[in-house]
PDB file of N, CA and C in Angstrom:
ATOM      1  N   MET A   1      70.916  20.719  43.872  1.00  0.00           N
ATOM      2  CA  MET A   1      71.944  21.691  43.602  1.00  0.00           C
ATOM      3  C   MET A   1      72.403  22.307  44.822  1.00  0.00           C
ATOM      4  N   GLN A   2      71.723  22.435  45.893  1.00  0.00           N
ATOM      5  CA  GLN A   2      72.152  22.962  47.136  1.00  0.00           C
ATOM      6  C   GLN A   2      73.490  22.589  47.552  1.00  0.00           C
ATOM      7  N   PHE A   3      73.653  21.167  47.520  1.00  0.00           N
ATOM      8  CA  PHE A   3      74.947  20.658  47.956  1.00  0.00           C
ATOM      9  C   PHE A   3      76.063  21.263  47.151  1.00  0.00           C
ATOM     10  N   GLY A   4      75.957  21.159  45.819  1.00  0.00           N
ATOM     11  CA  GLY A   4      77.024  21.684  44.961  1.00  0.00           C
ATOM     12  C   GLY A   4      77.366  23.189  45.225  1.00  0.00           C
ATOM     13  N   ILE A   5      76.301  23.931  45.246  1.00  0.00           N
ATOM     14  CA  ILE A   5      76.413  25.479  45.502  1.00  0.00           C
ATOM     15  C   ILE A   5      77.044  25.666  46.812  1.00  0.00           C
ATOM     16  N   GLY A   6      76.777  24.888  47.874  1.00  0.00           N
ATOM     17  CA  GLY A   6      77.280  25.028  49.133  1.00  0.00           C
ATOM     18  C   GLY A   6      78.796  24.699  49.192  1.00  0.00           C
ATOM     19  N   ARG A   7      79.207  23.757  48.370  1.00  0.00           N
ATOM     20  CA  ARG A   7      80.632  23.218  48.267  1.00  0.00           C
ATOM     21  C   ARG A   7      81.459  24.194  47.555  1.00  0.00           C
ATOM     22  N   GLU A   8      81.058  24.757  46.471  1.00  0.00           N
ATOM     23  CA  GLU A   8      81.704  25.698  45.592  1.00  0.00           C
ATOM     24  C   GLU A   8      80.887  26.795  45.128  1.00  0.00           C
ATOM     25  N   PRO A   9      80.469  27.756  46.109  1.00  0.00           N
ATOM     26  CA  PRO A   9      79.640  28.851  45.823  1.00  0.00           C
ATOM     27  C   PRO A   9      80.182  29.841  44.806  1.00  0.00           C
ATOM     28  N   GLY A  10      81.468  29.848  44.568  1.00  0.00           N
ATOM     29  CA  GLY A  10      82.149  30.649  43.493  1.00  0.00           C
ATOM     30  C   GLY A  10      81.792  30.329  42.087  1.00  0.00           C
ATOM     31  N   ASN A  11      81.318  28.985  41.930  1.00  0.00           N
ATOM     32  CA  ASN A  11      81.081  28.550  40.607  1.00  0.00           C
ATOM     33  C   ASN A  11      79.531  28.642  40.314  1.00  0.00           C
ATOM     34  N   TRP A  12      78.685  29.335  41.216  1.00  0.00           N
ATOM     35  CA  TRP A  12      77.321  29.548  40.964  1.00  0.00           C
ATOM     36  C   TRP A  12      77.082  30.938  40.481  1.00  0.00           C
ATOM     37  N   ILE A  13      76.413  31.052  39.369  1.00  0.00           N
ATOM     38  CA  ILE A  13      75.959  32.402  38.804  1.00  0.00           C
ATOM     39  C   ILE A  13      74.461  32.353  38.776  1.00  0.00           C
ATOM     40  N   ALA A  14      73.876  33.138  39.590  1.00  0.00           N
ATOM     41  CA  ALA A  14      72.364  33.139  39.772  1.00  0.00           C
ATOM     42  C   ALA A  14      71.655  33.967  38.695  1.00  0.00           C
ATOM     43  N   SER A  15      72.164  34.873  38.155  1.00  0.00           N
ATOM     44  CA  SER A  15      71.397  35.659  37.188  1.00  0.00           C
ATOM     45  C   SER A  15      71.752  35.347  35.694  1.00  0.00           C
ATOM     46  N   GLU A  16      70.815  35.371  34.817  1.00  0.00           N
ATOM     47  CA  GLU A  16      71.083  35.028  33.506  1.00  0.00           C
ATOM     48  C   GLU A  16      72.004  36.154  32.845  1.00  0.00           C
ATOM     49  N   ALA A  17      71.683  37.319  33.248  1.00  0.00           N
ATOM     50  CA  ALA A  17      72.541  38.518  32.677  1.00  0.00           C
ATOM     51  C   ALA A  17      74.062  38.307  33.087  1.00  0.00           C
ATOM     52  N   ASP A  18      74.320  37.756  34.172  1.00  0.00           N
ATOM     53  CA  ASP A  18      75.716  37.547  34.604  1.00  0.00           C
ATOM     54  C   ASP A  18      76.317  36.257  33.925  1.00  0.00           C
ATOM     55  N   PHE A  19      75.391  35.329  33.736  1.00  0.00           N
ATOM     56  CA  PHE A  19      75.837  33.963  33.187  1.00  0.00           C
ATOM     57  C   PHE A  19      76.093  34.023  31.719  1.00  0.00           C
ATOM     58  N   LEU A  20      75.293  34.570  30.945  1.00  0.00           N
ATOM     59  CA  LEU A  20      75.498  34.525  29.433  1.00  0.00           C
ATOM     60  C   LEU A  20      76.875  35.034  28.976  1.00  0.00           C
ATOM     61  N   PRO A  21      77.376  36.009  29.506  1.00  0.00           N
ATOM     62  CA  PRO A  21      78.793  36.390  28.908  1.00  0.00           C
ATOM     63  C   PRO A  21      79.814  35.473  29.395  1.00  0.00           C
ATOM     64  N   VAL A  22      79.735  34.733  30.494  1.00  0.00           N
ATOM     65  CA  VAL A  22      80.646  33.702  30.845  1.00  0.00           C
ATOM     66  C   VAL A  22      80.399  32.396  29.880  1.00  0.00           C
ATOM     67  N   TRP A  23      79.140  32.133  29.746  1.00  0.00           N
ATOM     68  CA  TRP A  23      79.008  30.935  28.763  1.00  0.00           C
ATOM     69  C   TRP A  23      79.495  31.308  27.463  1.00  0.00           C
ATOM     70  N   LEU A  24      79.290  32.408  26.915  1.00  0.00           N
ATOM     71  CA  LEU A  24      79.801  32.752  25.530  1.00  0.00           C
ATOM     72  C   LEU A  24      81.265  32.951  25.438  1.00  0.00           C
ATOM     73  N   ALA A  25      81.885  33.178  26.516  1.00  0.00           N
ATOM     74  CA  ALA A  25      83.367  33.309  26.580  1.00  0.00           C
ATOM     75  C   ALA A  25      84.135  31.982  26.704  1.00  0.00           C
ATOM     76  N   THR A  26      83.382  30.904  27.147  1.00  0.00           N
ATOM     77  CA  THR A  26      84.072  29.636  27.408  1.00  0.00           C
ATOM     78  C   THR A  26      83.879  28.695  26.299  1.00  0.00           C
ATOM     79  N   GLN A  27      84.995  27.726  26.410  1.00  0.00           N
ATOM     80  CA  GLN A  27      84.828  26.697  25.234  1.00  0.00           C
ATOM     81  C   GLN A  27      84.117  25.411  25.612  1.00  0.00           C
ATOM     82  N   GLN A  28      84.100  25.109  26.932  1.00  0.00           N
ATOM     83  CA  GLN A  28      83.614  23.924  27.512  1.00  0.00           C
ATOM     84  C   GLN A  28      82.764  24.225  28.853  1.00  0.00           C
ATOM     85  N   ALA A  29      81.452  23.886  28.882  1.00  0.00           N
ATOM     86  CA  ALA A  29      80.696  24.203  30.010  1.00  0.00           C
ATOM     87  C   ALA A  29      79.455  23.400  29.910  1.00  0.00           C
ATOM     88  N   LEU A  30      78.917  23.239  31.177  1.00  0.00           N
ATOM     89  CA  LEU A  30      77.450  22.568  31.265  1.00  0.00           C
ATOM     90  C   LEU A  30      76.704  23.534  32.005  1.00  0.00           C
ATOM     91  N   ALA A  31      75.348  23.485  31.762  1.00  0.00           N
ATOM     92  CA  ALA A  31      74.377  24.348  32.433  1.00  0.00           C
ATOM     93  C   ALA A  31      73.121  23.647  32.621  1.00  0.00           C
ATOM     94  N   ILE A  32      72.410  23.823  33.733  1.00  0.00           N
ATOM     95  CA  ILE A  32      71.074  23.215  33.911  1.00  0.00           C
ATOM     96  C   ILE A  32      70.062  24.239  33.708  1.00  0.00           C
ATOM     97  N   VAL A  33      69.174  24.181  32.814  1.00  0.00           N
ATOM     98  CA  VAL A  33      68.216  25.305  32.580  1.00  0.00           C
ATOM     99  C   VAL A  33      66.742  24.687  32.547  1.00  0.00           C
ATOM    100  N   SER A  34      65.790  25.656  32.662  1.00  0.00           N
ATOM    101  CA  SER A  34      64.508  25.217  32.572  1.00  0.00           C
ATOM    102  C   SER A  34      64.080  25.130  31.081  1.00  0.00           C
ATOM    103  N   PRO A  35      62.991  24.417  30.629  1.00  0.00           N
ATOM    104  CA  PRO A  35      62.620  24.349  29.298  1.00  0.00           C
ATOM    105  C   PRO A  35      62.287  25.831  28.714  1.00  0.00           C
ATOM    106  N   ASP A  36      61.735  26.654  29.471  1.00  0.00           N
ATOM    107  CA  ASP A  36      61.499  27.980  29.090  1.00  0.00           C
ATOM    108  C   ASP A  36      62.860  28.753  28.741  1.00  0.00           C
ATOM    109  N   THR A  37      63.883  28.569  29.678  1.00  0.00           N
ATOM    110  CA  THR A  37      65.118  29.285  29.375  1.00  0.00           C
ATOM    111  C   THR A  37      65.707  28.645  28.138  1.00  0.00           C
ATOM    112  N   TYR A  38      65.634  27.351  27.946  1.00  0.00           N
ATOM    113  CA  TYR A  38      66.208  26.745  26.792  1.00  0.00           C
ATOM    114  C   TYR A  38      65.565  27.271  25.529  1.00  0.00           C
ATOM    115  N   GLN A  39      64.291  27.374  25.421  1.00  0.00           N
ATOM    116  CA  GLN A  39      63.624  28.042  24.286  1.00  0.00           C
ATOM    117  C   GLN A  39      64.030  29.342  24.038  1.00  0.00           C
ATOM    118  N   ASN A  40      64.066  30.154  25.116  1.00  0.00           N
ATOM    119  CA  ASN A  40      64.573  31.649  25.011  1.00  0.00           C
ATOM    120  C   ASN A  40      65.949  31.607  24.358  1.00  0.00           C
ATOM    121  N   TRP A  41      66.874  30.772  24.810  1.00  0.00           N
ATOM    122  CA  TRP A  41      68.244  30.809  24.326  1.00  0.00           C
ATOM    123  C   TRP A  41      68.324  30.273  22.971  1.00  0.00           C
ATOM    124  N   GLN A  42      67.462  29.384  22.605  1.00  0.00           N
ATOM    125  CA  GLN A  42      67.426  28.942  21.147  1.00  0.00           C
ATOM    126  C   GLN A  42      67.016  30.153  20.275  1.00  0.00           C
ATOM    127  N   LYS A  43      65.994  30.950  20.792  1.00  0.00           N
ATOM    128  CA  LYS A  43      65.574  32.104  19.929  1.00  0.00           C
ATOM    129  C   LYS A  43      66.750  33.139  19.813  1.00  0.00           C
ATOM    130  N   GLN A  44      67.693  33.160  20.810  1.00  0.00           N
ATOM    131  CA  GLN A  44      68.775  34.077  20.707  1.00  0.00           C
ATOM    132  C   GLN A  44      70.027  33.549  20.105  1.00  0.00           C
ATOM    133  N   ASN A  45      69.870  32.253  19.589  1.00  0.00           N
ATOM    134  CA  ASN A  45      71.059  31.584  18.979  1.00  0.00           C
ATOM    135  C   ASN A  45      72.150  31.401  19.882  1.00  0.00           C
ATOM    136  N   ILE A  46      71.981  31.077  21.232  1.00  0.00           N
ATOM    137  CA  ILE A  46      73.032  30.892  22.063  1.00  0.00           C
ATOM    138  C   ILE A  46      73.477  29.475  21.756  1.00  0.00           C
ATOM    139  N   PRO A  47      74.827  29.301  21.684  1.00  0.00           N
ATOM    140  CA  PRO A  47      75.390  28.016  21.248  1.00  0.00           C
ATOM    141  C   PRO A  47      75.282  27.041  22.487  1.00  0.00           C
ATOM    142  N   MET A  48      74.675  25.977  22.112  1.00  0.00           N
ATOM    143  CA  MET A  48      74.462  24.840  23.231  1.00  0.00           C
ATOM    144  C   MET A  48      73.955  23.582  22.565  1.00  0.00           C
ATOM    145  N   LYS A  49      74.205  22.477  23.255  1.00  0.00           N
ATOM    146  CA  LYS A  49      73.628  21.175  22.748  1.00  0.00           C
ATOM    147  C   LYS A  49      73.115  20.469  23.960  1.00  0.00           C
ATOM    148  N   ILE A  50      71.972  19.885  23.831  1.00  0.00           N
ATOM    149  CA  ILE A  50      71.269  19.097  24.899  1.00  0.00           C
ATOM    150  C   ILE A  50      72.067  17.851  25.165  1.00  0.00           C
ATOM    151  N   VAL A  51      72.387  17.677  26.384  1.00  0.00           N
ATOM    152  CA  VAL A  51      73.067  16.372  26.692  1.00  0.00           C
ATOM    153  C   VAL A  51      72.255  15.510  27.692  1.00  0.00           C
ATOM    154  N   TYR A  52      71.047  16.051  28.199  1.00  0.00           N
ATOM    155  CA  TYR A  52      70.201  15.476  29.103  1.00  0.00           C
ATOM    156  C   TYR A  52      68.941  16.255  29.154  1.00  0.00           C
ATOM    157  N   GLN A  53      67.765  15.638  29.292  1.00  0.00           N
ATOM    158  CA  GLN A  53      66.415  16.234  29.330  1.00  0.00           C
ATOM    159  C   GLN A  53      65.474  15.502  30.135  1.00  0.00           C
ATOM    160  N   ASP A  54      64.660  16.051  30.979  1.00  0.00           N
ATOM    161  CA  ASP A  54      63.582  15.436  31.607  1.00  0.00           C
ATOM    162  C   ASP A  54      62.440  16.530  31.663  1.00  0.00           C
ATOM    163  N   PRO A  55      61.232  16.196  32.153  1.00  0.00           N
ATOM    164  CA  PRO A  55      60.273  17.278  31.971  1.00  0.00           C
ATOM    165  C   PRO A  55      60.425  18.643  32.843  1.00  0.00           C
ATOM    166  N   ARG A  56      61.340  18.649  33.782  1.00  0.00           N
ATOM    167  CA  ARG A  56      61.510  19.822  34.496  1.00  0.00           C
ATOM    168  C   ARG A  56      62.840  20.597  34.193  1.00  0.00           C
ATOM    169  N   ARG A  57      63.951  19.885  33.486  1.00  0.00           N
ATOM    170  CA  ARG A  57      65.089  20.601  33.390  1.00  0.00           C
ATOM    171  C   ARG A  57      65.726  20.012  32.067  1.00  0.00           C
ATOM    172  N   ILE A  58      66.677  20.771  31.670  1.00  0.00           N
ATOM    173  CA  ILE A  58      67.444  20.433  30.479  1.00  0.00           C
ATOM    174  C   ILE A  58      68.962  20.717  30.723  1.00  0.00           C
ATOM    175  N   VAL A  59      69.807  19.797  30.462  1.00  0.00           N
ATOM    176  CA  VAL A  59      71.313  20.088  30.687  1.00  0.00           C
ATOM    177  C   VAL A  59      71.851  20.335  29.282  1.00  0.00           C
ATOM    178  N   VAL A  60      72.494  21.498  29.164  1.00  0.00           N
ATOM    179  CA  VAL A  60      73.068  21.833  27.864  1.00  0.00           C
ATOM    180  C   VAL A  60      74.636  21.971  27.994  1.00  0.00           C
ATOM    181  N   ALA A  61      75.228  21.622  26.938  1.00  0.00           N
ATOM    182  CA  ALA A  61      76.758  21.656  26.912  1.00  0.00           C
ATOM    183  C   ALA A  61      77.225  22.728  25.849  1.00  0.00           C
ATOM    184  N   ARG A  62      78.381  23.149  26.182  1.00  0.00           N
ATOM    185  CA  ARG A  62      79.124  24.025  25.167  1.00  0.00           C
ATOM    186  C   ARG A  62      80.425  23.231  24.981  1.00  0.00           C
ATOM    187  N   TYR A  63      80.780  22.629  23.822  1.00  0.00           N
ATOM    188  CA  TYR A  63      82.127  22.068  23.678  1.00  0.00           C
ATOM    189  C   TYR A  63      82.381  22.123  22.157  1.00  0.00           C
TER     190      TYR A  63
END
């Protein structure tokens, strides 16, 4: 992720508190989250769909 953040730092949102309002306001987005974050978001009914998963990360989409 360091490469992508370095190329477009304005598209990186480091804190969940700053990220969730952006996620909820958009129609199409992708996010890379930890399994723990995914479970927390599920409990909060954050709209998302898994598009990729491995043991360390989950990619979720909103579309």
